[in-house]
N, C-alpha and C. Protein backbone atom coordinates (compact mmCIF):
# COMPACT_ATOMS: atom_id res chain seq x y z
N MET A 1 90.22 100.60 36.56
CA MET A 1 91.19 101.11 37.49
C MET A 1 92.10 101.98 36.84
N ASP A 2 92.43 103.36 37.61
CA ASP A 2 93.50 104.22 36.79
C ASP A 2 94.74 103.78 36.78
N ARG A 3 95.45 103.61 35.73
CA ARG A 3 96.52 103.22 35.64
C ARG A 3 97.53 103.95 36.43
N LYS A 4 97.44 105.02 36.26
CA LYS A 4 98.11 106.32 36.90
C LYS A 4 97.92 106.08 38.45
N GLN A 5 98.17 105.22 39.34
CA GLN A 5 97.42 104.84 40.89
C GLN A 5 97.97 106.00 41.48
N LYS A 6 97.25 106.51 42.59
CA LYS A 6 97.48 107.68 43.33
C LYS A 6 98.18 106.69 44.53
N LEU A 7 99.08 107.78 45.24
CA LEU A 7 100.02 107.24 46.28
C LEU A 7 98.96 106.92 47.67
N SER A 8 98.92 105.76 48.23
CA SER A 8 97.85 105.43 49.24
C SER A 8 98.84 104.93 50.73
N PRO A 9 99.43 105.61 51.20
CA PRO A 9 99.84 104.94 52.03
C PRO A 9 99.57 105.04 53.48
N GLU A 10 98.31 105.51 53.60
CA GLU A 10 97.80 105.88 55.03
C GLU A 10 97.80 104.58 56.09
N SER A 11 97.24 103.72 55.29
CA SER A 11 97.03 102.37 56.00
C SER A 11 98.35 101.84 56.33
N PHE A 12 99.31 102.30 55.46
CA PHE A 12 100.57 101.50 55.72
C PHE A 12 101.31 102.22 57.05
N LEU A 13 101.14 103.67 57.01
CA LEU A 13 101.79 104.41 57.93
C LEU A 13 101.09 104.48 59.37
N GLU A 14 100.06 103.97 59.29
CA GLU A 14 99.23 103.78 60.30
C GLU A 14 99.74 102.80 62.02
N GLN A 15 100.59 101.91 61.18
CA GLN A 15 101.54 100.73 62.05
C GLN A 15 102.89 101.36 62.50
N TYR A 16 102.91 102.77 61.96
CA TYR A 16 104.36 103.71 62.48
C TYR A 16 103.57 104.46 63.47
N THR A 17 102.66 105.41 63.06
CA THR A 17 102.18 106.37 64.04
C THR A 17 100.56 107.03 63.59
N HIS A 18 100.08 107.27 64.45
CA HIS A 18 99.11 107.87 64.40
C HIS A 18 98.79 109.08 64.28
N LYS A 19 99.78 110.14 64.51
CA LYS A 19 99.62 111.49 64.57
C LYS A 19 100.19 111.89 63.39
N ASN A 20 100.74 111.22 62.33
CA ASN A 20 101.59 112.03 61.42
C ASN A 20 100.92 111.69 60.16
N LYS A 21 99.60 111.38 59.90
CA LYS A 21 99.11 111.04 58.48
C LYS A 21 98.83 112.65 57.59
N ASN A 22 99.01 113.76 58.43
CA ASN A 22 98.89 114.79 57.77
C ASN A 22 100.11 115.16 57.13
N ILE A 23 101.32 114.30 57.18
CA ILE A 23 102.40 114.59 56.38
C ILE A 23 102.31 113.77 55.11
N ILE A 24 101.19 112.95 54.43
CA ILE A 24 100.81 112.54 53.50
C ILE A 24 100.39 113.24 52.30
N ASN A 25 100.94 113.56 51.35
CA ASN A 25 100.44 114.32 50.10
C ASN A 25 100.23 113.13 49.17
N GLU A 26 99.10 112.75 48.75
CA GLU A 26 98.88 111.46 47.30
C GLU A 26 99.93 111.98 46.25
N ASP A 27 99.85 113.13 46.06
CA ASP A 27 100.46 113.71 44.83
C ASP A 27 101.97 114.06 44.92
N ILE A 28 102.86 113.40 46.15
CA ILE A 28 104.12 113.58 46.56
C ILE A 28 105.07 112.61 45.36
N THR A 29 106.04 113.04 44.88
CA THR A 29 106.85 112.70 43.68
C THR A 29 108.17 112.07 44.47
N THR A 30 108.67 111.08 43.38
CA THR A 30 110.02 110.36 43.71
C THR A 30 110.92 111.57 43.51
N SER A 31 110.76 112.65 43.06
CA SER A 31 112.07 113.60 42.96
C SER A 31 111.99 114.22 44.48
N GLN A 32 110.73 114.80 44.86
CA GLN A 32 110.36 115.40 46.10
C GLN A 32 111.27 114.20 47.25
N ILE A 33 110.48 113.09 47.13
CA ILE A 33 111.31 112.11 48.46
C ILE A 33 112.92 112.17 48.33
N SER A 34 113.43 111.76 47.27
CA SER A 34 114.94 111.96 46.87
C SER A 34 115.37 113.00 47.26
N ASP A 35 115.03 114.32 46.99
CA ASP A 35 115.74 115.58 47.30
C ASP A 35 115.50 115.39 48.91
N ALA A 36 114.33 114.92 49.63
CA ALA A 36 114.35 114.55 51.15
C ALA A 36 115.15 113.66 51.66
N MET A 37 115.68 112.76 50.94
CA MET A 37 116.45 111.56 51.45
C MET A 37 117.79 112.00 51.45
N MET A 38 118.49 113.02 50.39
CA MET A 38 119.61 113.74 50.34
C MET A 38 119.92 114.81 51.25
N SER A 39 118.76 115.57 51.56
CA SER A 39 118.89 116.51 52.75
C SER A 39 119.07 115.71 53.98
N LEU A 40 118.48 114.75 54.39
CA LEU A 40 118.56 114.22 55.56
C LEU A 40 120.12 113.27 55.66
N THR A 41 119.97 112.61 54.77
CA THR A 41 121.18 111.35 55.15
C THR A 41 122.33 111.35 53.90
N GLY A 42 122.15 112.22 53.20
CA GLY A 42 123.36 112.08 51.84
C GLY A 42 123.19 111.06 50.97
N GLU A 43 122.25 110.28 50.94
CA GLU A 43 121.78 109.77 49.91
C GLU A 43 120.73 109.59 49.42
N ASN A 44 120.72 109.57 47.91
CA ASN A 44 119.16 109.89 47.21
C ASN A 44 118.40 108.86 47.64
N GLY A 45 118.48 107.51 47.53
CA GLY A 45 117.44 106.53 47.83
C GLY A 45 117.20 105.83 46.41
N VAL A 46 117.64 106.35 45.39
CA VAL A 46 117.03 105.99 44.13
C VAL A 46 117.58 104.42 43.99
N ILE A 47 116.67 103.43 43.45
CA ILE A 47 116.81 102.08 42.82
C ILE A 47 117.60 102.67 41.42
N GLU A 48 118.71 102.54 41.30
CA GLU A 48 119.21 103.09 39.68
C GLU A 48 118.76 102.25 38.42
N GLY A 49 118.15 102.72 37.54
CA GLY A 49 117.59 101.99 36.15
C GLY A 49 116.63 101.76 36.37
N ILE A 50 115.64 101.60 37.41
CA ILE A 50 114.14 101.27 37.24
C ILE A 50 113.46 102.08 36.67
N LYS A 51 112.41 101.84 35.90
CA LYS A 51 111.42 102.59 35.19
C LYS A 51 110.22 101.85 35.03
N PRO A 52 108.84 102.19 35.44
CA PRO A 52 107.77 101.70 35.01
C PRO A 52 107.79 101.28 33.67
N ILE A 53 106.92 100.20 33.34
CA ILE A 53 106.45 99.82 32.04
C ILE A 53 104.96 100.74 31.48
N ASP A 54 104.43 101.17 32.39
CA ASP A 54 103.27 102.19 32.30
C ASP A 54 103.29 103.18 33.02
N GLU A 55 102.34 104.10 33.03
CA GLU A 55 102.24 105.32 33.87
C GLU A 55 101.80 104.87 35.15
N PHE A 56 102.32 104.46 35.88
CA PHE A 56 102.20 103.43 37.14
C PHE A 56 102.74 104.47 38.54
N LYS A 57 102.09 104.13 39.66
CA LYS A 57 102.55 104.75 40.74
C LYS A 57 102.59 103.95 42.07
N ILE A 58 103.18 103.74 42.81
CA ILE A 58 103.25 102.80 43.67
C ILE A 58 103.72 103.66 45.16
N MET A 59 103.23 103.11 46.41
CA MET A 59 103.73 103.09 47.57
C MET A 59 103.05 102.13 48.34
N GLY A 60 104.17 101.40 48.94
CA GLY A 60 104.17 100.56 50.05
C GLY A 60 105.44 99.95 50.73
N LYS A 61 105.02 99.01 52.02
CA LYS A 61 106.48 98.58 52.39
C LYS A 61 106.97 97.38 51.30
N ALA A 62 108.27 97.20 51.75
CA ALA A 62 109.22 96.19 50.87
C ALA A 62 108.92 94.88 51.53
N THR A 63 108.48 93.91 50.68
CA THR A 63 108.71 92.29 50.96
C THR A 63 109.76 92.07 49.62
N THR A 64 110.89 91.61 50.24
CA THR A 64 112.30 91.51 49.41
C THR A 64 112.34 90.04 49.00
N VAL A 65 112.69 90.04 47.42
CA VAL A 65 113.67 88.81 47.28
C VAL A 65 114.98 89.02 46.30
N ARG A 66 115.64 87.87 46.84
CA ARG A 66 116.81 87.91 46.23
C ARG A 66 116.85 86.42 45.19
N THR A 67 116.95 86.46 44.12
CA THR A 67 117.28 85.39 43.07
C THR A 67 118.14 85.66 42.15
N SER A 68 118.55 84.47 41.44
CA SER A 68 119.23 84.63 40.12
C SER A 68 118.03 84.70 38.87
N LYS A 69 118.76 85.65 37.92
CA LYS A 69 117.86 85.87 36.71
C LYS A 69 117.18 84.48 36.02
N ASP A 70 117.74 83.41 36.28
CA ASP A 70 116.84 82.40 35.56
C ASP A 70 116.06 81.75 36.30
N ASP A 71 115.81 82.09 37.34
CA ASP A 71 114.98 81.62 38.50
C ASP A 71 113.85 82.45 39.15
N TRP A 72 112.41 82.04 38.51
CA TRP A 72 111.37 82.92 38.56
C TRP A 72 110.44 82.22 39.81
N GLY A 73 110.77 81.18 40.17
CA GLY A 73 110.33 80.41 41.44
C GLY A 73 110.46 80.78 42.47
N THR A 74 111.72 81.56 43.02
CA THR A 74 111.51 82.25 44.35
C THR A 74 110.80 83.53 44.34
N VAL A 75 110.55 84.00 43.05
CA VAL A 75 109.69 85.30 42.97
C VAL A 75 108.13 85.01 43.45
N ILE A 76 107.76 83.79 42.94
CA ILE A 76 106.27 83.58 43.21
C ILE A 76 105.93 82.86 44.28
N GLU A 77 107.16 82.28 45.36
CA GLU A 77 107.15 82.11 46.79
C GLU A 77 107.21 83.62 47.15
N GLY A 78 107.69 84.59 46.86
CA GLY A 78 107.56 85.81 47.23
C GLY A 78 106.62 86.43 47.30
N ILE A 79 105.43 86.63 46.33
CA ILE A 79 104.04 86.68 46.42
C ILE A 79 103.35 86.54 47.71
N TYR A 80 103.65 84.66 47.84
CA TYR A 80 102.74 84.52 49.06
C TYR A 80 103.45 84.49 50.26
N SER A 81 104.40 85.37 50.34
CA SER A 81 104.99 85.68 51.58
C SER A 81 104.62 87.22 52.01
N ALA A 82 104.56 88.18 51.10
CA ALA A 82 103.86 89.35 51.23
C ALA A 82 102.53 89.68 52.02
N GLN A 83 102.32 90.78 52.39
CA GLN A 83 101.47 91.20 53.12
C GLN A 83 100.37 91.99 52.16
N LYS A 84 99.01 92.14 52.02
CA LYS A 84 98.47 93.23 51.59
C LYS A 84 98.65 94.38 51.54
N GLY A 85 98.91 95.08 50.40
CA GLY A 85 99.86 96.36 50.52
C GLY A 85 101.03 96.42 50.28
N ASP A 86 101.78 95.53 50.26
CA ASP A 86 103.23 95.38 50.03
C ASP A 86 103.73 95.64 48.63
N VAL A 87 104.79 96.13 48.38
CA VAL A 87 105.75 96.03 47.15
C VAL A 87 106.71 94.99 46.91
N LEU A 88 106.47 94.15 46.25
CA LEU A 88 107.67 93.10 45.98
C LEU A 88 108.54 93.53 45.79
N VAL A 89 109.74 93.52 46.03
CA VAL A 89 111.00 94.23 45.24
C VAL A 89 112.03 92.81 45.16
N ILE A 90 112.14 93.04 43.92
CA ILE A 90 113.19 91.47 43.37
C ILE A 90 114.43 91.78 43.21
N SER A 91 115.52 91.43 43.81
CA SER A 91 117.27 91.64 43.25
C SER A 91 117.17 90.44 42.53
N CYS A 92 117.93 90.68 41.37
CA CYS A 92 118.45 89.69 40.37
C CYS A 92 120.10 90.18 40.18
N ASP A 93 120.62 88.92 39.50
CA ASP A 93 121.92 88.98 38.99
C ASP A 93 122.44 89.26 37.57
N GLY A 94 121.39 89.73 37.12
CA GLY A 94 121.42 90.27 35.69
C GLY A 94 120.00 90.66 35.22
N ASP A 95 119.79 91.21 34.13
CA ASP A 95 118.37 91.43 33.43
C ASP A 95 118.10 91.31 32.03
N ASP A 96 119.02 90.08 31.67
CA ASP A 96 118.47 89.67 30.21
C ASP A 96 117.48 88.44 30.38
N ILE A 97 117.23 87.76 31.40
CA ILE A 97 116.03 86.95 31.49
C ILE A 97 114.97 87.24 32.52
N ALA A 98 113.90 87.17 31.86
CA ALA A 98 113.03 87.68 32.80
C ALA A 98 112.46 86.99 33.97
N VAL A 99 112.19 87.58 35.08
CA VAL A 99 111.82 86.75 36.47
C VAL A 99 110.16 87.36 36.57
N TRP A 100 109.75 88.03 35.78
CA TRP A 100 108.25 88.70 36.28
C TRP A 100 107.39 88.65 34.95
N GLY A 101 106.49 88.28 35.09
CA GLY A 101 105.23 88.60 33.73
C GLY A 101 103.92 88.54 34.44
N GLU A 102 103.23 88.44 33.17
CA GLU A 102 101.67 88.58 33.15
C GLU A 102 100.94 87.58 34.41
N LEU A 103 101.46 86.41 34.17
CA LEU A 103 101.09 85.44 34.89
C LEU A 103 101.26 86.10 36.80
N ALA A 104 102.33 85.94 36.77
CA ALA A 104 102.83 86.62 38.40
C ALA A 104 102.41 87.70 38.41
N SER A 105 102.16 88.86 37.97
CA SER A 105 101.22 89.98 37.85
C SER A 105 99.68 89.77 38.37
N THR A 106 99.36 88.88 37.76
CA THR A 106 97.89 88.18 38.09
C THR A 106 97.79 87.58 39.47
N ALA A 107 98.73 86.69 39.73
CA ALA A 107 98.89 86.41 41.29
C ALA A 107 99.29 87.23 42.42
N ALA A 108 100.17 88.20 42.16
CA ALA A 108 100.41 89.42 42.87
C ALA A 108 98.86 90.00 43.48
N GLN A 109 98.52 90.47 42.30
CA GLN A 109 97.36 91.59 42.00
C GLN A 109 96.06 90.70 42.88
N LYS A 110 95.96 89.44 42.83
CA LYS A 110 95.12 89.01 43.50
C LYS A 110 95.26 88.88 45.18
N GLU A 111 96.33 88.88 45.30
CA GLU A 111 96.79 88.53 46.75
C GLU A 111 97.00 89.89 47.48
N GLY A 112 96.68 90.87 46.90
CA GLY A 112 96.66 92.61 47.13
C GLY A 112 97.99 93.20 47.20
N ILE A 113 99.06 92.63 46.69
CA ILE A 113 100.15 93.28 46.48
C ILE A 113 100.03 94.47 45.53
N VAL A 114 100.49 95.84 45.88
CA VAL A 114 100.39 97.23 45.34
C VAL A 114 101.20 97.36 44.06
N GLY A 115 102.14 96.39 43.79
CA GLY A 115 103.21 96.33 42.65
C GLY A 115 104.71 95.59 43.02
N THR A 116 105.19 95.61 41.64
CA THR A 116 106.40 94.74 41.82
C THR A 116 107.80 95.65 41.37
N VAL A 117 108.80 95.87 41.87
CA VAL A 117 109.89 96.06 41.43
C VAL A 117 110.68 95.10 40.97
N VAL A 118 111.37 95.19 39.86
CA VAL A 118 112.30 94.26 39.32
C VAL A 118 113.77 94.76 39.10
N TYR A 119 114.76 94.41 40.20
CA TYR A 119 116.19 94.94 39.61
C TYR A 119 116.72 93.85 38.81
N GLY A 120 116.44 93.94 37.60
CA GLY A 120 116.40 92.68 36.47
C GLY A 120 115.43 92.75 35.40
N ALA A 121 114.69 91.89 34.62
CA ALA A 121 113.96 92.14 33.61
C ALA A 121 112.58 91.80 34.04
N SER A 122 111.62 92.10 33.40
CA SER A 122 110.11 91.72 33.23
C SER A 122 109.84 91.56 31.78
N ARG A 123 108.81 90.84 31.35
CA ARG A 123 107.92 90.30 30.20
C ARG A 123 106.60 90.54 30.14
N ASP A 124 106.07 90.45 29.04
CA ASP A 124 104.45 90.60 29.16
C ASP A 124 103.70 92.04 29.39
N SER A 125 104.77 92.68 28.63
CA SER A 125 104.25 94.03 28.95
C SER A 125 102.84 94.49 28.91
N ALA A 126 102.18 93.94 27.55
CA ALA A 126 100.89 94.19 27.08
C ALA A 126 99.92 93.68 28.05
N GLY A 127 100.11 92.29 28.18
CA GLY A 127 99.34 91.74 29.39
C GLY A 127 99.26 92.30 30.87
N ILE A 128 100.08 92.81 31.16
CA ILE A 128 100.53 93.56 32.59
C ILE A 128 99.73 95.12 32.29
N MET A 129 99.93 95.85 31.70
CA MET A 129 98.86 96.94 31.33
C MET A 129 97.74 96.74 31.30
N LYS A 130 97.35 95.58 30.74
CA LYS A 130 95.68 95.39 30.48
C LYS A 130 95.20 94.83 32.33
N LEU A 131 96.15 94.66 32.75
CA LEU A 131 95.88 94.07 34.38
C LEU A 131 95.81 95.39 34.95
N ASP A 132 96.22 96.56 34.75
CA ASP A 132 96.58 97.84 35.42
C ASP A 132 97.25 97.27 36.44
N TYR A 133 98.27 96.34 36.56
CA TYR A 133 98.80 95.99 38.12
C TYR A 133 100.48 96.50 37.65
N PRO A 134 100.87 97.66 38.47
CA PRO A 134 102.06 98.51 38.86
C PRO A 134 103.37 97.50 38.46
N VAL A 135 104.30 97.67 37.52
CA VAL A 135 105.54 96.72 37.26
C VAL A 135 106.83 97.74 37.37
N PHE A 136 107.63 97.93 37.68
CA PHE A 136 108.95 98.68 37.64
C PHE A 136 110.03 97.58 37.35
N SER A 137 110.78 97.68 36.26
CA SER A 137 111.80 96.94 35.87
C SER A 137 113.14 97.68 35.35
N ARG A 138 114.31 96.92 35.27
CA ARG A 138 115.27 97.83 34.45
C ARG A 138 115.52 97.46 32.78
N ASN A 139 114.89 96.13 32.44
CA ASN A 139 114.59 95.89 31.49
C ASN A 139 113.46 95.15 30.80
N VAL A 140 112.86 94.86 29.79
CA VAL A 140 112.00 94.21 29.52
C VAL A 140 112.29 93.21 28.30
N VAL A 141 112.13 91.62 28.38
CA VAL A 141 112.68 90.91 27.40
C VAL A 141 111.40 89.83 27.10
N PRO A 142 111.62 89.24 26.40
CA PRO A 142 110.64 88.11 26.06
C PRO A 142 111.02 86.56 26.93
N ASN A 143 111.90 86.38 27.11
CA ASN A 143 112.40 85.07 27.44
C ASN A 143 112.42 84.63 28.96
N ALA A 144 112.40 83.96 29.92
CA ALA A 144 112.11 83.69 31.09
C ALA A 144 112.99 82.04 31.51
N GLY A 145 113.22 82.24 32.63
CA GLY A 145 114.14 80.88 33.21
C GLY A 145 113.03 79.99 33.49
N LYS A 146 113.35 79.37 34.52
CA LYS A 146 112.92 77.97 35.10
C LYS A 146 112.22 78.34 36.88
N PRO A 147 111.33 77.78 37.29
CA PRO A 147 110.80 78.02 38.84
C PRO A 147 111.89 77.21 39.57
N LEU A 148 113.11 77.43 40.04
CA LEU A 148 114.21 76.88 40.74
C LEU A 148 114.02 76.70 42.08
N SER A 149 113.49 77.85 42.42
CA SER A 149 113.01 78.39 44.01
C SER A 149 114.52 78.29 44.70
N ALA A 150 115.39 78.59 44.20
CA ALA A 150 116.81 78.51 45.12
C ALA A 150 117.30 80.16 45.79
N GLY A 151 116.27 80.96 45.53
CA GLY A 151 116.43 82.24 46.48
C GLY A 151 116.04 82.66 47.58
N GLU A 152 115.99 83.95 48.13
CA GLU A 152 115.63 83.90 49.54
C GLU A 152 114.86 85.36 49.46
N ILE A 153 113.75 85.00 50.55
CA ILE A 153 112.56 86.00 50.77
C ILE A 153 112.87 86.68 52.09
N ASN A 154 112.55 87.76 51.92
CA ASN A 154 112.31 88.72 53.23
C ASN A 154 114.07 88.85 53.91
N LYS A 155 114.91 89.01 53.02
CA LYS A 155 116.31 89.12 53.58
C LYS A 155 116.71 90.63 53.23
N PRO A 156 117.69 91.11 53.92
CA PRO A 156 118.03 92.75 53.35
C PRO A 156 118.69 92.12 51.68
N ILE A 157 118.60 93.18 50.86
CA ILE A 157 119.07 92.78 49.30
C ILE A 157 119.87 94.30 48.96
N THR A 158 120.71 94.14 48.04
CA THR A 158 120.97 95.29 47.49
C THR A 158 120.56 95.43 45.95
N CYS A 159 120.35 96.36 45.29
CA CYS A 159 119.83 96.61 44.20
C CYS A 159 120.65 97.95 43.73
N GLY A 160 121.75 97.64 42.79
CA GLY A 160 122.98 98.55 42.27
C GLY A 160 123.27 99.10 43.68
N ASN A 161 123.51 100.42 44.02
CA ASN A 161 124.07 101.11 45.02
C ASN A 161 122.78 101.16 46.28
N THR A 162 121.87 100.60 45.91
CA THR A 162 120.96 100.75 46.90
C THR A 162 120.58 99.73 48.06
N ASN A 163 120.62 99.69 49.00
CA ASN A 163 120.05 98.69 50.33
C ASN A 163 118.91 98.79 50.80
N ILE A 164 118.62 97.57 50.62
CA ILE A 164 116.70 97.38 51.22
C ILE A 164 116.43 96.37 51.98
N LYS A 165 115.88 96.93 53.28
CA LYS A 165 115.20 95.92 54.15
C LYS A 165 113.79 95.68 53.90
N PRO A 166 113.56 94.58 54.52
CA PRO A 166 111.66 94.13 54.52
C PRO A 166 111.48 95.42 55.19
N GLY A 167 110.14 95.69 54.92
CA GLY A 167 109.55 96.98 55.67
C GLY A 167 110.06 98.53 55.54
N ASP A 168 110.98 98.55 54.44
CA ASP A 168 111.53 99.79 54.18
C ASP A 168 110.33 100.25 52.93
N LEU A 169 110.24 102.02 52.96
CA LEU A 169 109.28 102.29 52.37
C LEU A 169 109.83 102.43 50.91
N ILE A 170 108.93 101.94 49.92
CA ILE A 170 109.08 102.01 48.32
C ILE A 170 108.19 102.83 47.95
N ILE A 171 108.56 103.83 47.30
CA ILE A 171 107.64 104.77 46.43
C ILE A 171 108.20 105.03 44.69
N GLY A 172 107.12 104.68 43.91
CA GLY A 172 107.62 104.67 42.47
C GLY A 172 106.49 105.41 41.79
N ASP A 173 107.32 106.28 40.47
CA ASP A 173 106.39 106.66 39.99
C ASP A 173 107.20 106.93 38.26
N GLU A 174 106.79 107.59 37.49
CA GLU A 174 107.53 108.10 36.14
C GLU A 174 108.63 108.44 36.49
N CYS A 175 108.97 108.70 37.32
CA CYS A 175 110.57 108.93 36.99
C CYS A 175 111.71 108.00 37.29
N GLY A 176 110.89 107.06 38.34
CA GLY A 176 111.78 105.67 38.92
C GLY A 176 111.24 105.23 40.35
N VAL A 177 112.14 104.77 41.37
CA VAL A 177 111.80 104.27 42.03
C VAL A 177 112.94 104.98 43.21
N VAL A 178 112.30 105.20 44.23
CA VAL A 178 112.92 105.18 45.85
C VAL A 178 112.49 104.90 46.73
N ARG A 179 113.91 104.30 47.61
CA ARG A 179 113.55 103.77 49.06
C ARG A 179 113.96 104.60 50.12
N ILE A 180 112.65 104.40 51.32
CA ILE A 180 113.16 105.14 52.80
C ILE A 180 113.23 104.11 53.40
N PRO A 181 114.64 104.06 54.47
CA PRO A 181 114.69 103.31 55.35
C PRO A 181 113.27 103.33 56.64
N SER A 182 112.96 102.15 56.79
CA SER A 182 112.05 102.41 57.96
C SER A 182 111.92 103.30 59.04
N GLU A 183 113.50 103.12 59.25
CA GLU A 183 113.35 103.87 60.90
C GLU A 183 113.07 105.27 60.52
N ILE A 184 113.40 105.96 59.10
CA ILE A 184 113.39 107.21 58.99
C ILE A 184 111.98 107.73 58.24
N ILE A 185 111.01 106.98 57.81
CA ILE A 185 109.75 107.01 57.06
C ILE A 185 109.39 108.67 57.22
N VAL A 186 109.16 108.47 58.59
CA VAL A 186 108.26 109.88 58.90
C VAL A 186 109.24 110.97 58.78
N LYS A 187 110.37 111.38 59.14
CA LYS A 187 111.31 112.32 58.93
C LYS A 187 111.47 112.85 57.36
N VAL A 188 111.43 111.57 56.53
CA VAL A 188 111.63 112.02 55.48
C VAL A 188 110.11 112.47 54.62
N LEU A 189 109.35 111.64 54.85
CA LEU A 189 107.88 112.43 54.27
C LEU A 189 107.54 113.84 54.76
N GLN A 190 107.76 114.01 56.16
CA GLN A 190 107.79 115.44 56.66
C GLN A 190 108.75 116.31 55.89
N LYS A 191 109.99 116.17 55.30
CA LYS A 191 111.17 116.84 54.85
C LYS A 191 110.43 116.95 53.53
N ALA A 192 109.90 116.08 52.63
CA ALA A 192 109.20 116.14 51.19
C ALA A 192 108.07 117.17 51.55
N GLN A 193 107.40 117.14 52.34
CA GLN A 193 106.32 118.29 52.52
C GLN A 193 106.63 119.46 52.75
N ASP A 194 107.69 119.55 53.33
CA ASP A 194 108.42 121.29 53.50
C ASP A 194 108.84 121.15 51.68
N ILE A 195 109.45 120.27 51.22
CA ILE A 195 110.00 120.74 49.97
C ILE A 195 108.83 121.17 48.92
N ILE A 196 108.05 120.40 48.86
CA ILE A 196 106.70 120.53 48.38
C ILE A 196 106.28 122.09 48.20
N LYS A 197 106.13 122.33 49.58
CA LYS A 197 105.69 123.67 50.08
C LYS A 197 106.65 124.76 49.43
N ASN A 198 107.86 124.44 49.32
CA ASN A 198 109.21 125.63 48.99
C ASN A 198 108.78 125.61 47.27
N GLU A 199 108.53 124.62 46.76
CA GLU A 199 108.26 124.39 45.17
C GLU A 199 107.30 125.25 45.06
N ASN A 200 106.06 125.04 45.54
CA ASN A 200 104.89 125.75 45.37
C ASN A 200 105.34 127.54 45.40
N ARG A 201 105.86 127.69 46.32
CA ARG A 201 106.47 129.25 46.89
C ARG A 201 106.95 129.76 45.37
N ILE A 202 108.26 128.69 44.97
CA ILE A 202 108.79 129.26 43.77
C ILE A 202 107.82 129.39 42.51
N SER A 203 107.02 128.56 42.28
CA SER A 203 106.21 128.36 40.98
C SER A 203 105.43 129.65 41.09
N GLN A 204 104.85 129.87 42.22
CA GLN A 204 104.14 131.38 42.45
C GLN A 204 104.99 132.60 42.25
N LYS A 205 106.42 132.35 42.30
CA LYS A 205 107.26 133.63 42.16
C LYS A 205 107.22 133.66 40.75
N LEU A 206 107.79 132.63 40.04
CA LEU A 206 107.61 132.41 38.73
C LEU A 206 106.55 133.02 37.79
N ASN A 207 105.59 132.23 38.39
CA ASN A 207 104.39 133.01 37.39
C ASN A 207 103.98 134.50 37.74
N LYS A 208 104.38 134.80 38.68
CA LYS A 208 104.45 136.43 38.62
C LYS A 208 105.42 136.98 37.89
N GLY A 209 106.24 136.26 37.30
CA GLY A 209 107.35 137.14 36.42
C GLY A 209 108.54 137.23 37.05
N LYS A 210 108.98 136.94 38.09
CA LYS A 210 110.35 136.71 38.86
C LYS A 210 111.00 135.88 38.39
N SER A 211 112.23 136.35 37.94
CA SER A 211 113.77 135.54 37.22
C SER A 211 113.70 134.15 38.45
N PHE A 212 113.88 133.31 37.55
CA PHE A 212 114.38 132.08 38.50
C PHE A 212 115.94 132.13 39.34
N LEU A 213 116.69 132.70 38.64
CA LEU A 213 117.99 133.20 39.15
C LEU A 213 117.60 133.99 40.24
N ASP A 214 116.93 135.13 40.00
CA ASP A 214 116.79 136.02 41.11
C ASP A 214 116.06 135.20 42.74
N ILE A 215 115.20 134.44 42.42
CA ILE A 215 114.52 133.21 43.50
C ILE A 215 115.53 132.77 44.03
N ILE A 216 116.42 131.87 43.38
CA ILE A 216 117.23 131.12 43.84
C ILE A 216 118.86 131.55 44.41
N ASN A 217 118.86 133.10 44.26
CA ASN A 217 119.88 133.84 44.40
C ASN A 217 120.99 133.51 43.69
N ILE A 218 121.37 133.34 42.68
CA ILE A 218 122.33 133.11 41.38
C ILE A 218 122.86 134.59 40.98
N LYS A 219 123.80 134.94 41.06
CA LYS A 219 124.24 136.29 40.57
C LYS A 219 124.83 135.71 39.43
C-alpha cells in the first residue's frame, strides 16, 4: 500500500448525493479545503497542531471519541463503534500521555477505518508506519495510560478551537487536518474545486513569465 494514500471520498459522498461525484478531485489538499471553508463560513476548519507521523492522506466521515489522556480504553471502544471508511477523531485533555499506538492502529485497520486523528498524543510511530495506517496527532511520546473506558463516543467534541460532530468530513495531508461540517460538505468541495481551477490559471500565467504582483493586482 502506498503510504501517501489518495483521497477516496466517492463512496462516502454517495450517501449525500449521487449528482456531485464530479466535484471530487483526489489530489485536493487541506490548504484548498481551508481556503474554501474560510470563503464560505469565515472559519478555516483547521484542527490546530495536528500533523501526520508520515506522508499520509485521509478523507472520511468522523467517528468521535472524547477521553482523558490517561484513558485509551474508550479509544478502543471507538474503533468498534466506527463504520468502514470512517476517520476516528479523538479529543484528549492533554498530549503528554499516548492514547493511540501500533496495536490500536492494527485493530482499526482490520475494521476498515481509514485513519486516526488524535488531538493528543500517539506512540509506536515505527510500527504504525510499517502498517501504512494513517495517524495524525499533536504529539508523539512513548508512555501510555490505562484502559479505563470512562469517556464518550460519537458525541460532539472540541479539538482546540474546532468543533467536530459525528459525520463531519475529515481531510488530512502533510499540512494538517481540516474538518468540514456535514451540512455543507458539497458546497465546500465545490468551492475548493473553483479554487483549484483558479490556482491552475495563476500557475499557467506564472509559467509564462507574468509577475505574481500583476496577476493578483498588487501595485
